[in-house]
Amino acid sequence: MESLEKSHRYLSSICCVFVLCVQLQLGLTGDCPADGRTWVPFGDGCYYFVHGEEDTIKSYTFERAKTLCQGFELLTIQSAEENDFVIKYSPAVWKNNVNVWLGMYYDTNSDDMRWFGEQPVGFSNWEDIFSSSDLVPLDTCVALHSNTGKWENVSCLEQAENGVVCETNQKAEEAKPKPSALLSALVILSVVAIMGVSAVIWFLQHKYNLGSTILTAFEYHPPVPSRGHRPVLSGGG
């Protein structure tokens, strides 16, 4: 009987551990760089808002901005949600509104602006009026106004200084394939099998306890004769 209880507890523990391991194997978690800087996760990316002491804003030239983000990318915006994230989060970090460099350059092959990562500019948020139409295309950079979210063409050669946001993709802790239908089916069948065995053990345990109770209830105990009582013997004729 005690062995049945131990087996039941053992199988239950195996079931819990098995399910937990499967969840850990199938789950992917993102990770931002751990290099001592404060990286902020958003979507599939990580963002570092370069700042000075006490989170005060520090401005840099475009060339200096590229150096600060070496190994990563200057801010690259691919959606309206990402654009909104920058304009909403930057005042909380820098305690002020500031223009931010975008990692964009003029591509002579396409005669258009392009991201440094060679992605085409799918999303844009240009100002309605371009005040910098006289800029030489090859010397044109782009800055984002953190108070409005609008983009503006500015000169790369002038000593203009803007805020810097470095960006990188979140890294998966381990590259794991997506779970297949066969693996999912095996997981379900394994859990069902373990639960089935546990149910059988419970049934046998319950049946054993019930049988013991019935036997105890119907156990025969012969009467014990009282003291001083002698059995009456019948004598023959």
C-alpha atoms as a PDB file:
ATOM      1  CA  MET A   1       0.000   0.000   0.000  1.00  0.00           C
ATOM      2  CA  GLU A   2       2.776   2.385   0.889  1.00  0.00           C
ATOM      3  CA  SER A   3       4.485   1.566  -2.401  1.00  0.00           C
ATOM      4  CA  LEU A   4       1.359   2.658  -4.305  1.00  0.00           C
ATOM      5  CA  GLU A   5       1.387   6.045  -2.584  1.00  0.00           C
ATOM      6  CA  LYS A   6       5.082   6.531  -3.333  1.00  0.00           C
ATOM      7  CA  SER A   7       4.535   5.616  -6.984  1.00  0.00           C
ATOM      8  CA  HIS A   8       1.649   8.090  -7.226  1.00  0.00           C
ATOM      9  CA  ARG A   9       3.729  10.935  -5.776  1.00  0.00           C
ATOM     10  CA  TYR A  10       6.665  10.032  -7.999  1.00  0.00           C
ATOM     11  CA  LEU A  11       4.616  10.049 -11.199  1.00  0.00           C
ATOM     12  CA  SER A  12       2.952  13.345 -10.249  1.00  0.00           C
ATOM     13  CA  SER A  13       6.376  14.933  -9.747  1.00  0.00           C
ATOM     14  CA  ILE A  14       7.574  13.609 -13.100  1.00  0.00           C
ATOM     15  CA  CYS A  15       4.489  15.061 -14.805  1.00  0.00           C
ATOM     16  CA  CYS A  16       5.085  18.546 -13.354  1.00  0.00           C
ATOM     17  CA  VAL A  17       8.801  18.531 -14.193  1.00  0.00           C
ATOM     18  CA  PHE A  18       8.116  17.276 -17.717  1.00  0.00           C
ATOM     19  CA  VAL A  19       5.584  20.002 -18.497  1.00  0.00           C
ATOM     20  CA  LEU A  20       7.902  22.688 -17.072  1.00  0.00           C
ATOM     21  CA  CYS A  21      10.840  21.483 -19.165  1.00  0.00           C
ATOM     22  CA  VAL A  22       8.741  21.484 -22.327  1.00  0.00           C
ATOM     23  CA  GLN A  23       7.627  25.055 -21.674  1.00  0.00           C
ATOM     24  CA  LEU A  24      11.229  26.148 -21.168  1.00  0.00           C
ATOM     25  CA  GLN A  25      12.330  24.390 -24.333  1.00  0.00           C
ATOM     26  CA  LEU A  26       9.594  25.890 -26.475  1.00  0.00           C
ATOM     27  CA  GLY A  27       9.828  29.416 -25.125  1.00  0.00           C
ATOM     28  CA  LEU A  28      12.180  32.051 -26.540  1.00  0.00           C
ATOM     29  CA  THR A  29      13.209  35.029 -24.464  1.00  0.00           C
ATOM     30  CA  GLY A  30      14.783  38.201 -25.787  1.00  0.00           C
ATOM     31  CA  ASP A  31      17.837  39.847 -24.284  1.00  0.00           C
ATOM     32  CA  CYS A  32      19.393  43.329 -24.502  1.00  0.00           C
ATOM     33  CA  PRO A  33      23.168  43.906 -24.282  1.00  0.00           C
ATOM     34  CA  ALA A  34      24.618  43.750 -20.773  1.00  0.00           C
ATOM     35  CA  ASP A  35      27.439  46.247 -21.256  1.00  0.00           C
ATOM     36  CA  GLY A  36      26.802  48.579 -18.329  1.00  0.00           C
ATOM     37  CA  ARG A  37      24.577  50.920 -20.319  1.00  0.00           C
ATOM     38  CA  THR A  38      20.845  51.280 -19.832  1.00  0.00           C
ATOM     39  CA  TRP A  39      19.204  49.584 -22.815  1.00  0.00           C
ATOM     40  CA  VAL A  40      15.453  49.971 -23.096  1.00  0.00           C
ATOM     41  CA  PRO A  41      13.553  47.102 -24.785  1.00  0.00           C
ATOM     42  CA  PHE A  42      10.744  47.922 -27.199  1.00  0.00           C
ATOM     43  CA  GLY A  43       9.280  45.524 -29.727  1.00  0.00           C
ATOM     44  CA  ASP A  44      12.141  43.446 -31.108  1.00  0.00           C
ATOM     45  CA  GLY A  45      14.759  46.126 -30.449  1.00  0.00           C
ATOM     46  CA  CYS A  46      16.855  47.620 -27.651  1.00  0.00           C
ATOM     47  CA  TYR A  47      17.521  51.364 -27.373  1.00  0.00           C
ATOM     48  CA  TYR A  48      20.212  53.311 -25.535  1.00  0.00           C
ATOM     49  CA  PHE A  49      19.523  57.024 -25.039  1.00  0.00           C
ATOM     50  CA  VAL A  50      22.996  58.561 -24.665  1.00  0.00           C
ATOM     51  CA  HIS A  51      23.010  60.990 -21.747  1.00  0.00           C
ATOM     52  CA  GLY A  52      25.330  62.730 -19.328  1.00  0.00           C
ATOM     53  CA  GLU A  53      25.315  62.847 -15.564  1.00  0.00           C
ATOM     54  CA  GLU A  54      21.916  62.787 -13.858  1.00  0.00           C
ATOM     55  CA  ASP A  55      20.284  61.902 -17.192  1.00  0.00           C
ATOM     56  CA  THR A  56      20.935  65.354 -18.675  1.00  0.00           C
ATOM     57  CA  ILE A  57      20.951  65.686 -22.441  1.00  0.00           C
ATOM     58  CA  LYS A  58      24.255  65.683 -24.277  1.00  0.00           C
ATOM     59  CA  SER A  59      24.440  66.666 -27.935  1.00  0.00           C
ATOM     60  CA  TYR A  60      26.934  65.403 -30.491  1.00  0.00           C
ATOM     61  CA  THR A  61      27.845  65.934 -34.118  1.00  0.00           C
ATOM     62  CA  PHE A  62      26.787  63.336 -36.655  1.00  0.00           C
ATOM     63  CA  GLU A  63      30.268  61.820 -36.942  1.00  0.00           C
ATOM     64  CA  ARG A  64      30.591  61.630 -33.173  1.00  0.00           C
ATOM     65  CA  ALA A  65      27.146  60.041 -32.959  1.00  0.00           C
ATOM     66  CA  LYS A  66      28.224  57.240 -35.307  1.00  0.00           C
ATOM     67  CA  THR A  67      31.299  56.646 -33.143  1.00  0.00           C
ATOM     68  CA  LEU A  68      29.227  56.450 -29.957  1.00  0.00           C
ATOM     69  CA  CYS A  69      27.015  53.789 -31.532  1.00  0.00           C
ATOM     70  CA  GLN A  70      29.882  51.788 -33.009  1.00  0.00           C
ATOM     71  CA  GLY A  71      28.981  48.109 -33.039  1.00  0.00           C
ATOM     72  CA  PHE A  72      25.297  49.004 -33.067  1.00  0.00           C
ATOM     73  CA  GLU A  73      23.166  51.325 -35.227  1.00  0.00           C
ATOM     74  CA  LEU A  74      22.009  54.887 -35.007  1.00  0.00           C
ATOM     75  CA  LEU A  75      18.287  55.156 -34.435  1.00  0.00           C
ATOM     76  CA  THR A  76      16.348  53.440 -37.225  1.00  0.00           C
ATOM     77  CA  ILE A  77      12.578  53.913 -37.252  1.00  0.00           C
ATOM     78  CA  GLN A  78      10.426  51.421 -39.123  1.00  0.00           C
ATOM     79  CA  SER A  79       6.921  52.179 -37.835  1.00  0.00           C
ATOM     80  CA  ALA A  80       4.685  54.847 -36.322  1.00  0.00           C
ATOM     81  CA  GLU A  81       4.697  52.913 -33.032  1.00  0.00           C
ATOM     82  CA  GLU A  82       8.483  53.052 -32.879  1.00  0.00           C
ATOM     83  CA  ASN A  83       8.434  56.770 -33.698  1.00  0.00           C
ATOM     84  CA  ASP A  84       5.924  57.377 -30.879  1.00  0.00           C
ATOM     85  CA  PHE A  85       8.047  55.350 -28.465  1.00  0.00           C
ATOM     86  CA  VAL A  86      11.054  57.611 -29.042  1.00  0.00           C
ATOM     87  CA  ILE A  87       9.183  60.897 -28.638  1.00  0.00           C
ATOM     88  CA  LYS A  88       7.401  59.671 -25.496  1.00  0.00           C
ATOM     89  CA  TYR A  89      10.418  58.091 -23.817  1.00  0.00           C
ATOM     90  CA  SER A  90      13.162  60.629 -24.621  1.00  0.00           C
ATOM     91  CA  PRO A  91      11.822  63.463 -22.390  1.00  0.00           C
ATOM     92  CA  ALA A  92      11.721  61.043 -19.459  1.00  0.00           C
ATOM     93  CA  VAL A  93      15.419  60.262 -19.976  1.00  0.00           C
ATOM     94  CA  TRP A  94      16.787  63.636 -21.016  1.00  0.00           C
ATOM     95  CA  LYS A  95      14.413  65.874 -19.009  1.00  0.00           C
ATOM     96  CA  ASN A  96      14.051  68.019 -22.119  1.00  0.00           C
ATOM     97  CA  ASN A  97      13.005  67.992 -25.777  1.00  0.00           C
ATOM     98  CA  VAL A  98      15.811  67.683 -28.296  1.00  0.00           C
ATOM     99  CA  ASN A  99      16.467  66.715 -31.897  1.00  0.00           C
ATOM    100  CA  VAL A 100      17.771  63.181 -32.420  1.00  0.00           C
ATOM    101  CA  TRP A 101      20.003  61.908 -35.203  1.00  0.00           C
ATOM    102  CA  LEU A 102      18.535  59.214 -37.458  1.00  0.00           C
ATOM    103  CA  GLY A 103      20.806  56.565 -38.977  1.00  0.00           C
ATOM    104  CA  MET A 104      20.064  57.595 -42.535  1.00  0.00           C
ATOM    105  CA  TYR A 105      22.132  58.598 -45.585  1.00  0.00           C
ATOM    106  CA  TYR A 106      21.556  59.654 -49.195  1.00  0.00           C
ATOM    107  CA  ASP A 107      21.879  56.732 -51.622  1.00  0.00           C
ATOM    108  CA  THR A 108      23.036  57.828 -55.074  1.00  0.00           C
ATOM    109  CA  ASN A 109      21.867  54.568 -56.683  1.00  0.00           C
ATOM    110  CA  SER A 110      18.248  54.990 -55.661  1.00  0.00           C
ATOM    111  CA  ASP A 111      18.440  58.803 -55.512  1.00  0.00           C
ATOM    112  CA  ASP A 112      16.744  58.661 -52.135  1.00  0.00           C
ATOM    113  CA  MET A 113      17.444  58.428 -48.426  1.00  0.00           C
ATOM    114  CA  ARG A 114      18.285  55.003 -47.015  1.00  0.00           C
ATOM    115  CA  TRP A 115      19.000  53.508 -43.580  1.00  0.00           C
ATOM    116  CA  PHE A 116      22.585  52.588 -42.716  1.00  0.00           C
ATOM    117  CA  GLY A 117      21.469  48.974 -42.375  1.00  0.00           C
ATOM    118  CA  GLU A 118      20.618  49.169 -46.103  1.00  0.00           C
ATOM    119  CA  GLN A 119      16.893  48.899 -45.447  1.00  0.00           C
ATOM    120  CA  PRO A 120      14.688  51.101 -47.612  1.00  0.00           C
ATOM    121  CA  VAL A 121      12.745  53.837 -45.856  1.00  0.00           C
ATOM    122  CA  GLY A 122       9.333  52.197 -45.599  1.00  0.00           C
ATOM    123  CA  PHE A 123       7.928  54.447 -42.879  1.00  0.00           C
ATOM    124  CA  SER A 124       8.587  58.201 -42.792  1.00  0.00           C
ATOM    125  CA  ASN A 125       7.308  61.232 -40.927  1.00  0.00           C
ATOM    126  CA  TRP A 126       8.735  64.214 -42.790  1.00  0.00           C
ATOM    127  CA  GLU A 127       7.825  67.765 -41.957  1.00  0.00           C
ATOM    128  CA  ASP A 128       5.226  69.268 -44.262  1.00  0.00           C
ATOM    129  CA  ILE A 129       7.551  72.122 -45.237  1.00  0.00           C
ATOM    130  CA  PHE A 130      11.182  71.442 -46.071  1.00  0.00           C
ATOM    131  CA  SER A 131      13.317  74.365 -44.969  1.00  0.00           C
ATOM    132  CA  SER A 132      16.503  72.630 -46.117  1.00  0.00           C
ATOM    133  CA  SER A 133      15.765  72.103 -49.806  1.00  0.00           C
ATOM    134  CA  ASP A 134      19.041  73.805 -50.704  1.00  0.00           C
ATOM    135  CA  LEU A 135      21.137  71.082 -49.059  1.00  0.00           C
ATOM    136  CA  VAL A 136      23.498  69.038 -51.217  1.00  0.00           C
ATOM    137  CA  PRO A 137      22.019  65.500 -51.281  1.00  0.00           C
ATOM    138  CA  LEU A 138      25.297  63.788 -50.373  1.00  0.00           C
ATOM    139  CA  ASP A 139      25.687  66.097 -47.381  1.00  0.00           C
ATOM    140  CA  THR A 140      22.146  65.579 -46.119  1.00  0.00           C
ATOM    141  CA  CYS A 141      21.367  63.929 -42.808  1.00  0.00           C
ATOM    142  CA  VAL A 142      18.080  63.581 -40.950  1.00  0.00           C
ATOM    143  CA  ALA A 143      17.068  64.596 -37.433  1.00  0.00           C
ATOM    144  CA  LEU A 144      13.906  63.749 -35.512  1.00  0.00           C
ATOM    145  CA  HIS A 145      12.193  66.430 -33.409  1.00  0.00           C
ATOM    146  CA  SER A 146      11.440  64.701 -30.113  1.00  0.00           C
ATOM    147  CA  ASN A 147       8.653  67.159 -29.279  1.00  0.00           C
ATOM    148  CA  THR A 148       6.685  66.622 -32.511  1.00  0.00           C
ATOM    149  CA  GLY A 149       8.055  63.368 -33.932  1.00  0.00           C
ATOM    150  CA  LYS A 150       8.621  65.032 -37.317  1.00  0.00           C
ATOM    151  CA  TRP A 151      11.736  64.408 -39.419  1.00  0.00           C
ATOM    152  CA  GLU A 152      13.863  67.192 -40.877  1.00  0.00           C
ATOM    153  CA  ASN A 153      16.703  67.262 -43.401  1.00  0.00           C
ATOM    154  CA  VAL A 154      19.826  68.847 -41.923  1.00  0.00           C
ATOM    155  CA  SER A 155      23.438  69.231 -43.005  1.00  0.00           C
ATOM    156  CA  CYS A 156      25.893  66.510 -42.041  1.00  0.00           C
ATOM    157  CA  LEU A 157      28.876  68.841 -42.477  1.00  0.00           C
ATOM    158  CA  GLU A 158      27.849  71.648 -40.188  1.00  0.00           C
ATOM    159  CA  GLN A 159      28.759  71.366 -36.526  1.00  0.00           C
ATOM    160  CA  ALA A 160      25.149  70.872 -35.552  1.00  0.00           C
ATOM    161  CA  GLU A 161      24.746  68.765 -32.433  1.00  0.00           C
ATOM    162  CA  ASN A 162      21.781  66.535 -31.701  1.00  0.00           C
ATOM    163  CA  GLY A 163      20.845  63.806 -29.262  1.00  0.00           C
ATOM    164  CA  VAL A 164      21.948  60.235 -29.906  1.00  0.00           C
ATOM    165  CA  VAL A 165      19.981  57.002 -29.613  1.00  0.00           C
ATOM    166  CA  CYS A 166      21.768  53.727 -30.348  1.00  0.00           C
ATOM    167  CA  GLU A 167      19.745  50.721 -31.412  1.00  0.00           C
ATOM    168  CA  THR A 168      20.240  46.978 -31.747  1.00  0.00           C
ATOM    169  CA  ASN A 169      18.075  43.909 -32.131  1.00  0.00           C
ATOM    170  CA  GLN A 170      17.141  41.807 -29.139  1.00  0.00           C
ATOM    171  CA  LYS A 171      19.086  38.580 -29.067  1.00  0.00           C
ATOM    172  CA  ALA A 172      17.451  35.261 -28.359  1.00  0.00           C
ATOM    173  CA  GLU A 173      19.227  33.448 -25.529  1.00  0.00           C
ATOM    174  CA  GLU A 174      19.396  30.336 -27.676  1.00  0.00           C
ATOM    175  CA  ALA A 175      18.359  29.834 -31.260  1.00  0.00           C
ATOM    176  CA  LYS A 176      15.711  27.143 -31.020  1.00  0.00           C
ATOM    177  CA  PRO A 177      13.444  25.841 -33.794  1.00  0.00           C
ATOM    178  CA  LYS A 178       9.745  26.397 -33.518  1.00  0.00           C
ATOM    179  CA  PRO A 179       7.859  23.443 -32.054  1.00  0.00           C
ATOM    180  CA  SER A 180       6.505  21.081 -34.703  1.00  0.00           C
ATOM    181  CA  ALA A 181       3.051  19.535 -34.734  1.00  0.00           C
ATOM    182  CA  LEU A 182       4.604  16.121 -33.983  1.00  0.00           C
ATOM    183  CA  LEU A 183       6.400  17.471 -30.912  1.00  0.00           C
ATOM    184  CA  SER A 184       3.215  19.099 -29.648  1.00  0.00           C
ATOM    185  CA  ALA A 185       1.320  15.824 -30.129  1.00  0.00           C
ATOM    186  CA  LEU A 186       4.008  13.881 -28.242  1.00  0.00           C
ATOM    187  CA  VAL A 187       3.846  16.359 -25.376  1.00  0.00           C
ATOM    188  CA  ILE A 188       0.059  15.998 -25.115  1.00  0.00           C
ATOM    189  CA  LEU A 189       0.186  12.187 -25.335  1.00  0.00           C
ATOM    190  CA  SER A 190       2.917  12.006 -22.698  1.00  0.00           C
ATOM    191  CA  VAL A 191       0.968  14.168 -20.272  1.00  0.00           C
ATOM    192  CA  VAL A 192      -2.225  12.146 -20.893  1.00  0.00           C
ATOM    193  CA  ALA A 193      -0.331   8.874 -20.348  1.00  0.00           C
ATOM    194  CA  ILE A 194       1.157  10.066 -17.063  1.00  0.00           C
ATOM    195  CA  MET A 195      -2.235  11.294 -15.878  1.00  0.00           C
ATOM    196  CA  GLY A 196      -3.795   7.961 -16.893  1.00  0.00           C
ATOM    197  CA  VAL A 197      -1.266   5.947 -14.906  1.00  0.00           C
ATOM    198  CA  SER A 198      -1.827   8.233 -11.927  1.00  0.00           C
ATOM    199  CA  ALA A 199      -5.592   7.661 -12.195  1.00  0.00           C
ATOM    200  CA  VAL A 200      -5.123   3.867 -12.263  1.00  0.00           C
ATOM    201  CA  ILE A 201      -2.916   4.017  -9.168  1.00  0.00           C
ATOM    202  CA  TRP A 202      -5.505   6.171  -7.406  1.00  0.00           C
ATOM    203  CA  PHE A 203      -8.271   3.712  -8.344  1.00  0.00           C
ATOM    204  CA  LEU A 204      -6.292   0.731  -7.056  1.00  0.00           C
ATOM    205  CA  GLN A 205      -5.497   2.581  -3.862  1.00  0.00           C
ATOM    206  CA  HIS A 206      -9.158   3.519  -3.370  1.00  0.00           C
ATOM    207  CA  LYS A 207     -10.298  -0.054  -4.097  1.00  0.00           C
ATOM    208  CA  TYR A 208      -7.770  -1.462  -1.648  1.00  0.00           C
ATOM    209  CA  ASN A 209      -8.920   0.901   1.110  1.00  0.00           C
ATOM    210  CA  LEU A 210     -12.583   0.071   0.446  1.00  0.00           C
ATOM    211  CA  GLY A 211     -11.906  -3.685   0.531  1.00  0.00           C
ATOM    212  CA  SER A 212     -10.033  -3.407   3.806  1.00  0.00           C
ATOM    213  CA  THR A 213     -12.943  -1.506   5.353  1.00  0.00           C
ATOM    214  CA  ILE A 214     -15.485  -4.163   4.276  1.00  0.00           C
ATOM    215  CA  LEU A 215     -13.383  -7.016   5.616  1.00  0.00           C
ATOM    216  CA  THR A 216     -12.950  -5.222   8.920  1.00  0.00           C
ATOM    217  CA  ALA A 217     -16.693  -4.624   9.236  1.00  0.00           C
ATOM    218  CA  PHE A 218     -17.572  -8.298   8.659  1.00  0.00           C
ATOM    219  CA  GLU A 219     -14.763  -9.870  10.663  1.00  0.00           C
ATOM    220  CA  TYR A 220     -16.100 -12.540  13.050  1.00  0.00           C
ATOM    221  CA  HIS A 221     -15.136 -12.424  16.737  1.00  0.00           C
ATOM    222  CA  PRO A 222     -16.335 -15.435  18.853  1.00  0.00           C
ATOM    223  CA  PRO A 223     -17.952 -14.559  22.202  1.00  0.00           C
ATOM    224  CA  VAL A 224     -15.811 -14.803  25.298  1.00  0.00           C
ATOM    225  CA  PRO A 225     -17.437 -16.759  28.147  1.00  0.00           C
ATOM    226  CA  SER A 226     -17.939 -14.842  31.362  1.00  0.00           C
ATOM    227  CA  ARG A 227     -16.127 -15.823  34.543  1.00  0.00           C
ATOM    228  CA  GLY A 228     -17.790 -18.478  36.694  1.00  0.00           C
ATOM    229  CA  HIS A 229     -19.903 -19.718  33.879  1.00  0.00           C
ATOM    230  CA  ARG A 230     -19.499 -23.327  33.089  1.00  0.00           C
ATOM    231  CA  PRO A 231     -20.879 -24.946  30.056  1.00  0.00           C
ATOM    232  CA  VAL A 232     -23.791 -27.274  30.710  1.00  0.00           C
ATOM    233  CA  LEU A 233     -22.987 -30.803  29.799  1.00  0.00           C
ATOM    234  CA  SER A 234     -25.800 -33.057  28.873  1.00  0.00           C
ATOM    235  CA  GLY A 235     -25.519 -36.511  30.352  1.00  0.00           C
ATOM    236  CA  GLY A 236     -26.577 -39.578  28.586  1.00  0.00           C
ATOM    237  CA  GLY A 237     -29.786 -41.386  29.676  1.00  0.00           C
END
